[in-house]
């Protein structure tokens, strides 16, 4: 990757990153077209390759950029001392909401990337992927589902919460709901699960 990319105006950087995230999130690496990115962003194909060298170079860049950006947002929101499972989930989702305001396709891109089948691309993004996974699991690992004695029941509540978040985000994103609206509804569901089961 050509570091001169970061000399571009921030608005142009973000347009190019968002264009790449959108196309990769919809098509995966193999079927993503740089022509589609060019159309979405309004910059020349030559400019893409000047800064990123290849489609693979662009993919790896936006993957690593996504992980760094999410980790940064987490660092501004997360209370490291929080031990309540539901409160930690709310903080994580608030960070995700902030990410989606700047980069609407970033979370969808990472979800699509988790099923990437191109072995070379998967290998090149593995380190960043593990960094994000370890950070996320570390945040959740140190929390408790308070008010439930039975370990198996606590685990079911954790899984139920995860399934609820995943389904709600997918459904509301497809319907075009804004990130703030999704976060507000997520909080209501989290409070409901906590009140019902804990």
C-alpha atoms as a PDB file:
ATOM      1  CA  UNK A   1       0.000   0.000   0.000  1.00  0.00           C
ATOM      2  CA  UNK A   2       1.204   3.487  -0.894  1.00  0.00           C
ATOM      3  CA  UNK A   3       1.359   5.605   2.280  1.00  0.00           C
ATOM      4  CA  UNK A   4       0.641   8.700   0.172  1.00  0.00           C
ATOM      5  CA  UNK A   5      -3.014   7.627   0.403  1.00  0.00           C
ATOM      6  CA  UNK A   6      -3.032   9.282   3.830  1.00  0.00           C
ATOM      7  CA  UNK A   7      -1.951  12.581   2.223  1.00  0.00           C
ATOM      8  CA  UNK A   8      -5.314  12.756   0.445  1.00  0.00           C
ATOM      9  CA  UNK A   9      -8.031  14.912   2.014  1.00  0.00           C
ATOM     10  CA  UNK A  10      -9.826  12.929   4.726  1.00  0.00           C
ATOM     11  CA  UNK A  11     -13.161  13.174   2.894  1.00  0.00           C
ATOM     12  CA  UNK A  12     -11.634  11.506  -0.181  1.00  0.00           C
ATOM     13  CA  UNK A  13      -9.983   8.800   1.920  1.00  0.00           C
ATOM     14  CA  UNK A  14     -13.298   8.029   3.584  1.00  0.00           C
ATOM     15  CA  UNK A  15     -15.141   7.963   0.251  1.00  0.00           C
ATOM     16  CA  UNK A  16     -12.662   5.433  -1.124  1.00  0.00           C
ATOM     17  CA  UNK A  17     -12.713   3.310   2.022  1.00  0.00           C
ATOM     18  CA  UNK A  18     -16.521   3.345   2.161  1.00  0.00           C
ATOM     19  CA  UNK A  19     -16.734   2.436  -1.530  1.00  0.00           C
ATOM     20  CA  UNK A  20     -14.416  -0.534  -1.040  1.00  0.00           C
ATOM     21  CA  UNK A  21     -16.256  -1.642   2.129  1.00  0.00           C
ATOM     22  CA  UNK A  22     -19.612  -1.487   0.350  1.00  0.00           C
ATOM     23  CA  UNK A  23     -18.539  -3.560  -2.653  1.00  0.00           C
ATOM     24  CA  UNK A  24     -16.559  -6.109  -0.629  1.00  0.00           C
ATOM     25  CA  UNK A  25     -19.380  -6.472   1.927  1.00  0.00           C
ATOM     26  CA  UNK A  26     -21.852  -7.279  -0.841  1.00  0.00           C
ATOM     27  CA  UNK A  27     -19.664  -9.514  -3.005  1.00  0.00           C
ATOM     28  CA  UNK A  28     -16.779 -10.904  -0.978  1.00  0.00           C
ATOM     29  CA  UNK A  29     -13.215 -10.743  -2.278  1.00  0.00           C
ATOM     30  CA  UNK A  30     -13.482 -12.986  -5.333  1.00  0.00           C
ATOM     31  CA  UNK A  31     -16.583 -11.407  -6.875  1.00  0.00           C
ATOM     32  CA  UNK A  32     -15.919  -7.789  -5.887  1.00  0.00           C
ATOM     33  CA  UNK A  33     -15.327  -5.545  -8.868  1.00  0.00           C
ATOM     34  CA  UNK A  34     -13.009  -2.554  -8.765  1.00  0.00           C
ATOM     35  CA  UNK A  35     -15.155  -1.147 -11.579  1.00  0.00           C
ATOM     36  CA  UNK A  36     -18.088  -1.075  -9.145  1.00  0.00           C
ATOM     37  CA  UNK A  37     -15.915   0.716  -6.595  1.00  0.00           C
ATOM     38  CA  UNK A  38     -14.873   3.279  -9.182  1.00  0.00           C
ATOM     39  CA  UNK A  39     -18.541   3.939 -10.025  1.00  0.00           C
ATOM     40  CA  UNK A  40     -19.557   4.156  -6.358  1.00  0.00           C
ATOM     41  CA  UNK A  41     -16.788   6.582  -5.429  1.00  0.00           C
ATOM     42  CA  UNK A  42     -16.131   8.534  -8.608  1.00  0.00           C
ATOM     43  CA  UNK A  43     -12.361   8.112  -8.770  1.00  0.00           C
ATOM     44  CA  UNK A  44     -10.321   6.516 -11.541  1.00  0.00           C
ATOM     45  CA  UNK A  45      -9.318   2.865 -11.521  1.00  0.00           C
ATOM     46  CA  UNK A  46      -5.721   3.987 -11.928  1.00  0.00           C
ATOM     47  CA  UNK A  47      -5.941   5.881  -8.654  1.00  0.00           C
ATOM     48  CA  UNK A  48      -7.109   2.751  -6.787  1.00  0.00           C
ATOM     49  CA  UNK A  49      -4.156   0.765  -8.085  1.00  0.00           C
ATOM     50  CA  UNK A  50      -1.745   3.654  -7.540  1.00  0.00           C
ATOM     51  CA  UNK A  51      -2.499   3.548  -3.811  1.00  0.00           C
ATOM     52  CA  UNK A  52      -3.239  -0.146  -3.221  1.00  0.00           C
ATOM     53  CA  UNK A  53      -1.426  -2.021  -5.990  1.00  0.00           C
ATOM     54  CA  UNK A  54      -4.086  -4.691  -6.461  1.00  0.00           C
ATOM     55  CA  UNK A  55      -7.548  -5.760  -5.366  1.00  0.00           C
ATOM     56  CA  UNK A  56      -5.902  -7.978  -2.747  1.00  0.00           C
ATOM     57  CA  UNK A  57      -3.863  -5.032  -1.466  1.00  0.00           C
ATOM     58  CA  UNK A  58      -7.030  -2.958  -1.163  1.00  0.00           C
ATOM     59  CA  UNK A  59      -8.884  -5.750   0.632  1.00  0.00           C
ATOM     60  CA  UNK A  60      -6.131  -6.272   3.180  1.00  0.00           C
ATOM     61  CA  UNK A  61      -5.879  -2.516   3.738  1.00  0.00           C
ATOM     62  CA  UNK A  62      -9.607  -2.050   4.407  1.00  0.00           C
ATOM     63  CA  UNK A  63      -9.644  -5.126   6.659  1.00  0.00           C
ATOM     64  CA  UNK A  64      -6.754  -3.879   8.796  1.00  0.00           C
ATOM     65  CA  UNK A  65      -8.157  -0.333   8.752  1.00  0.00           C
ATOM     66  CA  UNK A  66     -11.537  -1.662   9.937  1.00  0.00           C
ATOM     67  CA  UNK A  67      -9.999  -3.527  12.855  1.00  0.00           C
ATOM     68  CA  UNK A  68      -7.943  -0.508  13.932  1.00  0.00           C
ATOM     69  CA  UNK A  69     -10.954   1.796  13.657  1.00  0.00           C
ATOM     70  CA  UNK A  70     -13.196  -0.503  15.712  1.00  0.00           C
ATOM     71  CA  UNK A  71     -10.514  -0.934  18.382  1.00  0.00           C
ATOM     72  CA  UNK A  72     -10.187   2.846  18.540  1.00  0.00           C
ATOM     73  CA  UNK A  73     -13.946   3.325  18.996  1.00  0.00           C
ATOM     74  CA  UNK A  74     -14.002   0.617  21.658  1.00  0.00           C
ATOM     75  CA  UNK A  75     -11.224   2.404  23.538  1.00  0.00           C
ATOM     76  CA  UNK A  76     -13.285   5.616  23.654  1.00  0.00           C
ATOM     77  CA  UNK A  77     -16.443   3.908  24.957  1.00  0.00           C
ATOM     78  CA  UNK A  78     -15.522   0.874  27.049  1.00  0.00           C
ATOM     79  CA  UNK A  79     -15.251   1.032  30.826  1.00  0.00           C
ATOM     80  CA  UNK A  80     -12.604  -1.612  31.508  1.00  0.00           C
ATOM     81  CA  UNK A  81     -13.899  -2.006  35.075  1.00  0.00           C
ATOM     82  CA  UNK A  82     -17.437  -2.950  33.983  1.00  0.00           C
ATOM     83  CA  UNK A  83     -18.342  -6.479  35.073  1.00  0.00           C
ATOM     84  CA  UNK A  84     -22.066  -6.597  34.264  1.00  0.00           C
ATOM     85  CA  UNK A  85     -22.601  -8.585  31.060  1.00  0.00           C
ATOM     86  CA  UNK A  86     -25.520  -6.499  29.806  1.00  0.00           C
ATOM     87  CA  UNK A  87     -23.834  -3.168  30.495  1.00  0.00           C
ATOM     88  CA  UNK A  88     -20.702  -4.321  28.656  1.00  0.00           C
ATOM     89  CA  UNK A  89     -22.796  -5.427  25.674  1.00  0.00           C
ATOM     90  CA  UNK A  90     -24.428  -1.976  25.608  1.00  0.00           C
ATOM     91  CA  UNK A  91     -20.998  -0.344  25.541  1.00  0.00           C
ATOM     92  CA  UNK A  92     -19.817  -2.615  22.733  1.00  0.00           C
ATOM     93  CA  UNK A  93     -22.961  -1.872  20.732  1.00  0.00           C
ATOM     94  CA  UNK A  94     -22.518   1.858  21.320  1.00  0.00           C
ATOM     95  CA  UNK A  95     -19.015   1.577  19.826  1.00  0.00           C
ATOM     96  CA  UNK A  96     -20.470  -0.353  16.884  1.00  0.00           C
ATOM     97  CA  UNK A  97     -23.064   2.407  16.412  1.00  0.00           C
ATOM     98  CA  UNK A  98     -20.326   5.035  16.273  1.00  0.00           C
ATOM     99  CA  UNK A  99     -18.453   2.943  13.696  1.00  0.00           C
ATOM    100  CA  UNK A 100     -21.560   2.630  11.502  1.00  0.00           C
ATOM    101  CA  UNK A 101     -22.105   6.388  11.481  1.00  0.00           C
ATOM    102  CA  UNK A 102     -18.720   6.947   9.834  1.00  0.00           C
ATOM    103  CA  UNK A 103     -18.455   3.702   7.873  1.00  0.00           C
ATOM    104  CA  UNK A 104     -21.933   2.231   7.227  1.00  0.00           C
ATOM    105  CA  UNK A 105     -20.608  -0.967   5.605  1.00  0.00           C
ATOM    106  CA  UNK A 106     -17.708  -1.727   7.953  1.00  0.00           C
ATOM    107  CA  UNK A 107     -19.490  -4.211  10.218  1.00  0.00           C
ATOM    108  CA  UNK A 108     -21.137  -5.951   7.235  1.00  0.00           C
ATOM    109  CA  UNK A 109     -17.733  -6.171   5.559  1.00  0.00           C
ATOM    110  CA  UNK A 110     -16.166  -7.854   8.596  1.00  0.00           C
ATOM    111  CA  UNK A 111     -19.079 -10.271   8.844  1.00  0.00           C
ATOM    112  CA  UNK A 112     -18.717 -11.183   5.162  1.00  0.00           C
ATOM    113  CA  UNK A 113     -14.934 -11.451   5.608  1.00  0.00           C
ATOM    114  CA  UNK A 114     -15.364 -14.002   8.404  1.00  0.00           C
ATOM    115  CA  UNK A 115     -16.578 -16.463   5.754  1.00  0.00           C
ATOM    116  CA  UNK A 116     -13.897 -15.574   3.186  1.00  0.00           C
ATOM    117  CA  UNK A 117     -12.757 -18.671   1.274  1.00  0.00           C
ATOM    118  CA  UNK A 118      -9.731 -17.251  -0.554  1.00  0.00           C
ATOM    119  CA  UNK A 119      -6.867 -18.850   1.380  1.00  0.00           C
ATOM    120  CA  UNK A 120      -4.289 -16.189   0.539  1.00  0.00           C
ATOM    121  CA  UNK A 121      -6.568 -13.333   1.613  1.00  0.00           C
ATOM    122  CA  UNK A 122      -7.606 -15.208   4.761  1.00  0.00           C
ATOM    123  CA  UNK A 123      -3.930 -15.711   5.650  1.00  0.00           C
ATOM    124  CA  UNK A 124      -3.080 -12.042   5.064  1.00  0.00           C
ATOM    125  CA  UNK A 125      -5.916 -10.846   7.312  1.00  0.00           C
ATOM    126  CA  UNK A 126      -5.534 -13.505  10.022  1.00  0.00           C
ATOM    127  CA  UNK A 127      -3.416 -11.409  12.399  1.00  0.00           C
ATOM    128  CA  UNK A 128      -5.860  -8.487  12.387  1.00  0.00           C
ATOM    129  CA  UNK A 129      -8.792 -10.904  12.707  1.00  0.00           C
ATOM    130  CA  UNK A 130      -7.255 -12.565  15.779  1.00  0.00           C
ATOM    131  CA  UNK A 131      -6.476  -9.174  17.342  1.00  0.00           C
ATOM    132  CA  UNK A 132     -10.124  -8.117  17.110  1.00  0.00           C
ATOM    133  CA  UNK A 133     -11.465 -11.482  18.274  1.00  0.00           C
ATOM    134  CA  UNK A 134      -9.174 -11.517  21.297  1.00  0.00           C
ATOM    135  CA  UNK A 135     -10.181  -7.977  22.258  1.00  0.00           C
ATOM    136  CA  UNK A 136     -13.899  -8.707  21.955  1.00  0.00           C
ATOM    137  CA  UNK A 137     -13.759 -12.025  23.788  1.00  0.00           C
ATOM    138  CA  UNK A 138     -11.614 -10.430  26.494  1.00  0.00           C
ATOM    139  CA  UNK A 139     -14.247  -7.767  27.143  1.00  0.00           C
ATOM    140  CA  UNK A 140     -17.030 -10.346  27.481  1.00  0.00           C
ATOM    141  CA  UNK A 141     -14.948 -12.921  29.353  1.00  0.00           C
ATOM    142  CA  UNK A 142     -14.579 -10.686  32.399  1.00  0.00           C
ATOM    143  CA  UNK A 143     -18.321 -10.058  32.772  1.00  0.00           C
ATOM    144  CA  UNK A 144     -21.055 -11.861  34.708  1.00  0.00           C
ATOM    145  CA  UNK A 145     -24.730 -12.498  34.070  1.00  0.00           C
ATOM    146  CA  UNK A 146     -25.814 -11.481  37.545  1.00  0.00           C
ATOM    147  CA  UNK A 147     -28.838 -12.968  39.261  1.00  0.00           C
ATOM    148  CA  UNK A 148     -28.623 -16.471  37.756  1.00  0.00           C
ATOM    149  CA  UNK A 149     -27.046 -19.223  39.828  1.00  0.00           C
ATOM    150  CA  UNK A 150     -27.140 -22.020  37.243  1.00  0.00           C
ATOM    151  CA  UNK A 151     -24.114 -21.934  34.921  1.00  0.00           C
ATOM    152  CA  UNK A 152     -25.922 -23.580  31.983  1.00  0.00           C
ATOM    153  CA  UNK A 153     -28.769 -21.070  32.262  1.00  0.00           C
ATOM    154  CA  UNK A 154     -26.289 -18.173  32.319  1.00  0.00           C
ATOM    155  CA  UNK A 155     -24.710 -19.512  29.136  1.00  0.00           C
ATOM    156  CA  UNK A 156     -28.114 -19.787  27.449  1.00  0.00           C
ATOM    157  CA  UNK A 157     -28.856 -16.156  28.343  1.00  0.00           C
ATOM    158  CA  UNK A 158     -25.513 -15.104  26.819  1.00  0.00           C
ATOM    159  CA  UNK A 159     -26.311 -17.006  23.610  1.00  0.00           C
ATOM    160  CA  UNK A 160     -29.876 -15.690  23.494  1.00  0.00           C
ATOM    161  CA  UNK A 161     -28.499 -12.169  23.793  1.00  0.00           C
ATOM    162  CA  UNK A 162     -26.033 -12.757  20.956  1.00  0.00           C
ATOM    163  CA  UNK A 163     -28.700 -14.205  18.666  1.00  0.00           C
ATOM    164  CA  UNK A 164     -31.041 -11.305  19.447  1.00  0.00           C
ATOM    165  CA  UNK A 165     -28.395  -8.695  18.655  1.00  0.00           C
ATOM    166  CA  UNK A 166     -27.321 -10.427  15.439  1.00  0.00           C
ATOM    167  CA  UNK A 167     -30.892 -10.827  14.184  1.00  0.00           C
ATOM    168  CA  UNK A 168     -32.013  -7.339  15.129  1.00  0.00           C
ATOM    169  CA  UNK A 169     -29.012  -5.640  13.524  1.00  0.00           C
ATOM    170  CA  UNK A 170     -29.439  -7.630  10.306  1.00  0.00           C
ATOM    171  CA  UNK A 171     -33.196  -6.971  10.120  1.00  0.00           C
ATOM    172  CA  UNK A 172     -33.031  -3.267  10.963  1.00  0.00           C
ATOM    173  CA  UNK A 173     -30.014  -2.594   8.740  1.00  0.00           C
ATOM    174  CA  UNK A 174     -31.800  -4.157   5.764  1.00  0.00           C
ATOM    175  CA  UNK A 175     -34.854  -2.003   6.492  1.00  0.00           C
ATOM    176  CA  UNK A 176     -32.650   1.107   6.356  1.00  0.00           C
ATOM    177  CA  UNK A 177     -32.890   2.085  10.026  1.00  0.00           C
ATOM    178  CA  UNK A 178     -30.225   4.562  11.166  1.00  0.00           C
ATOM    179  CA  UNK A 179     -27.511   3.344  13.607  1.00  0.00           C
ATOM    180  CA  UNK A 180     -28.880   5.429  16.501  1.00  0.00           C
ATOM    181  CA  UNK A 181     -32.333   3.895  16.049  1.00  0.00           C
ATOM    182  CA  UNK A 182     -30.886   0.386  15.997  1.00  0.00           C
ATOM    183  CA  UNK A 183     -28.884   1.088  19.159  1.00  0.00           C
ATOM    184  CA  UNK A 184     -31.949   2.439  20.965  1.00  0.00           C
ATOM    185  CA  UNK A 185     -33.946  -0.667  20.070  1.00  0.00           C
ATOM    186  CA  UNK A 186     -31.038  -2.944  21.033  1.00  0.00           C
ATOM    187  CA  UNK A 187     -30.880  -1.359  24.474  1.00  0.00           C
ATOM    188  CA  UNK A 188     -34.605  -1.985  24.927  1.00  0.00           C
ATOM    189  CA  UNK A 189     -34.154  -5.663  24.019  1.00  0.00           C
ATOM    190  CA  UNK A 190     -31.153  -6.022  26.335  1.00  0.00           C
ATOM    191  CA  UNK A 191     -33.132  -4.524  29.214  1.00  0.00           C
ATOM    192  CA  UNK A 192     -36.031  -6.864  28.441  1.00  0.00           C
ATOM    193  CA  UNK A 193     -33.810  -9.966  28.433  1.00  0.00           C
ATOM    194  CA  UNK A 194     -32.159  -8.883  31.688  1.00  0.00           C
ATOM    195  CA  UNK A 195     -35.475  -8.172  33.416  1.00  0.00           C
ATOM    196  CA  UNK A 196     -37.040 -11.426  32.165  1.00  0.00           C
ATOM    197  CA  UNK A 197     -34.259 -13.888  32.906  1.00  0.00           C
ATOM    198  CA  UNK A 198     -32.122 -12.367  35.677  1.00  0.00           C
END
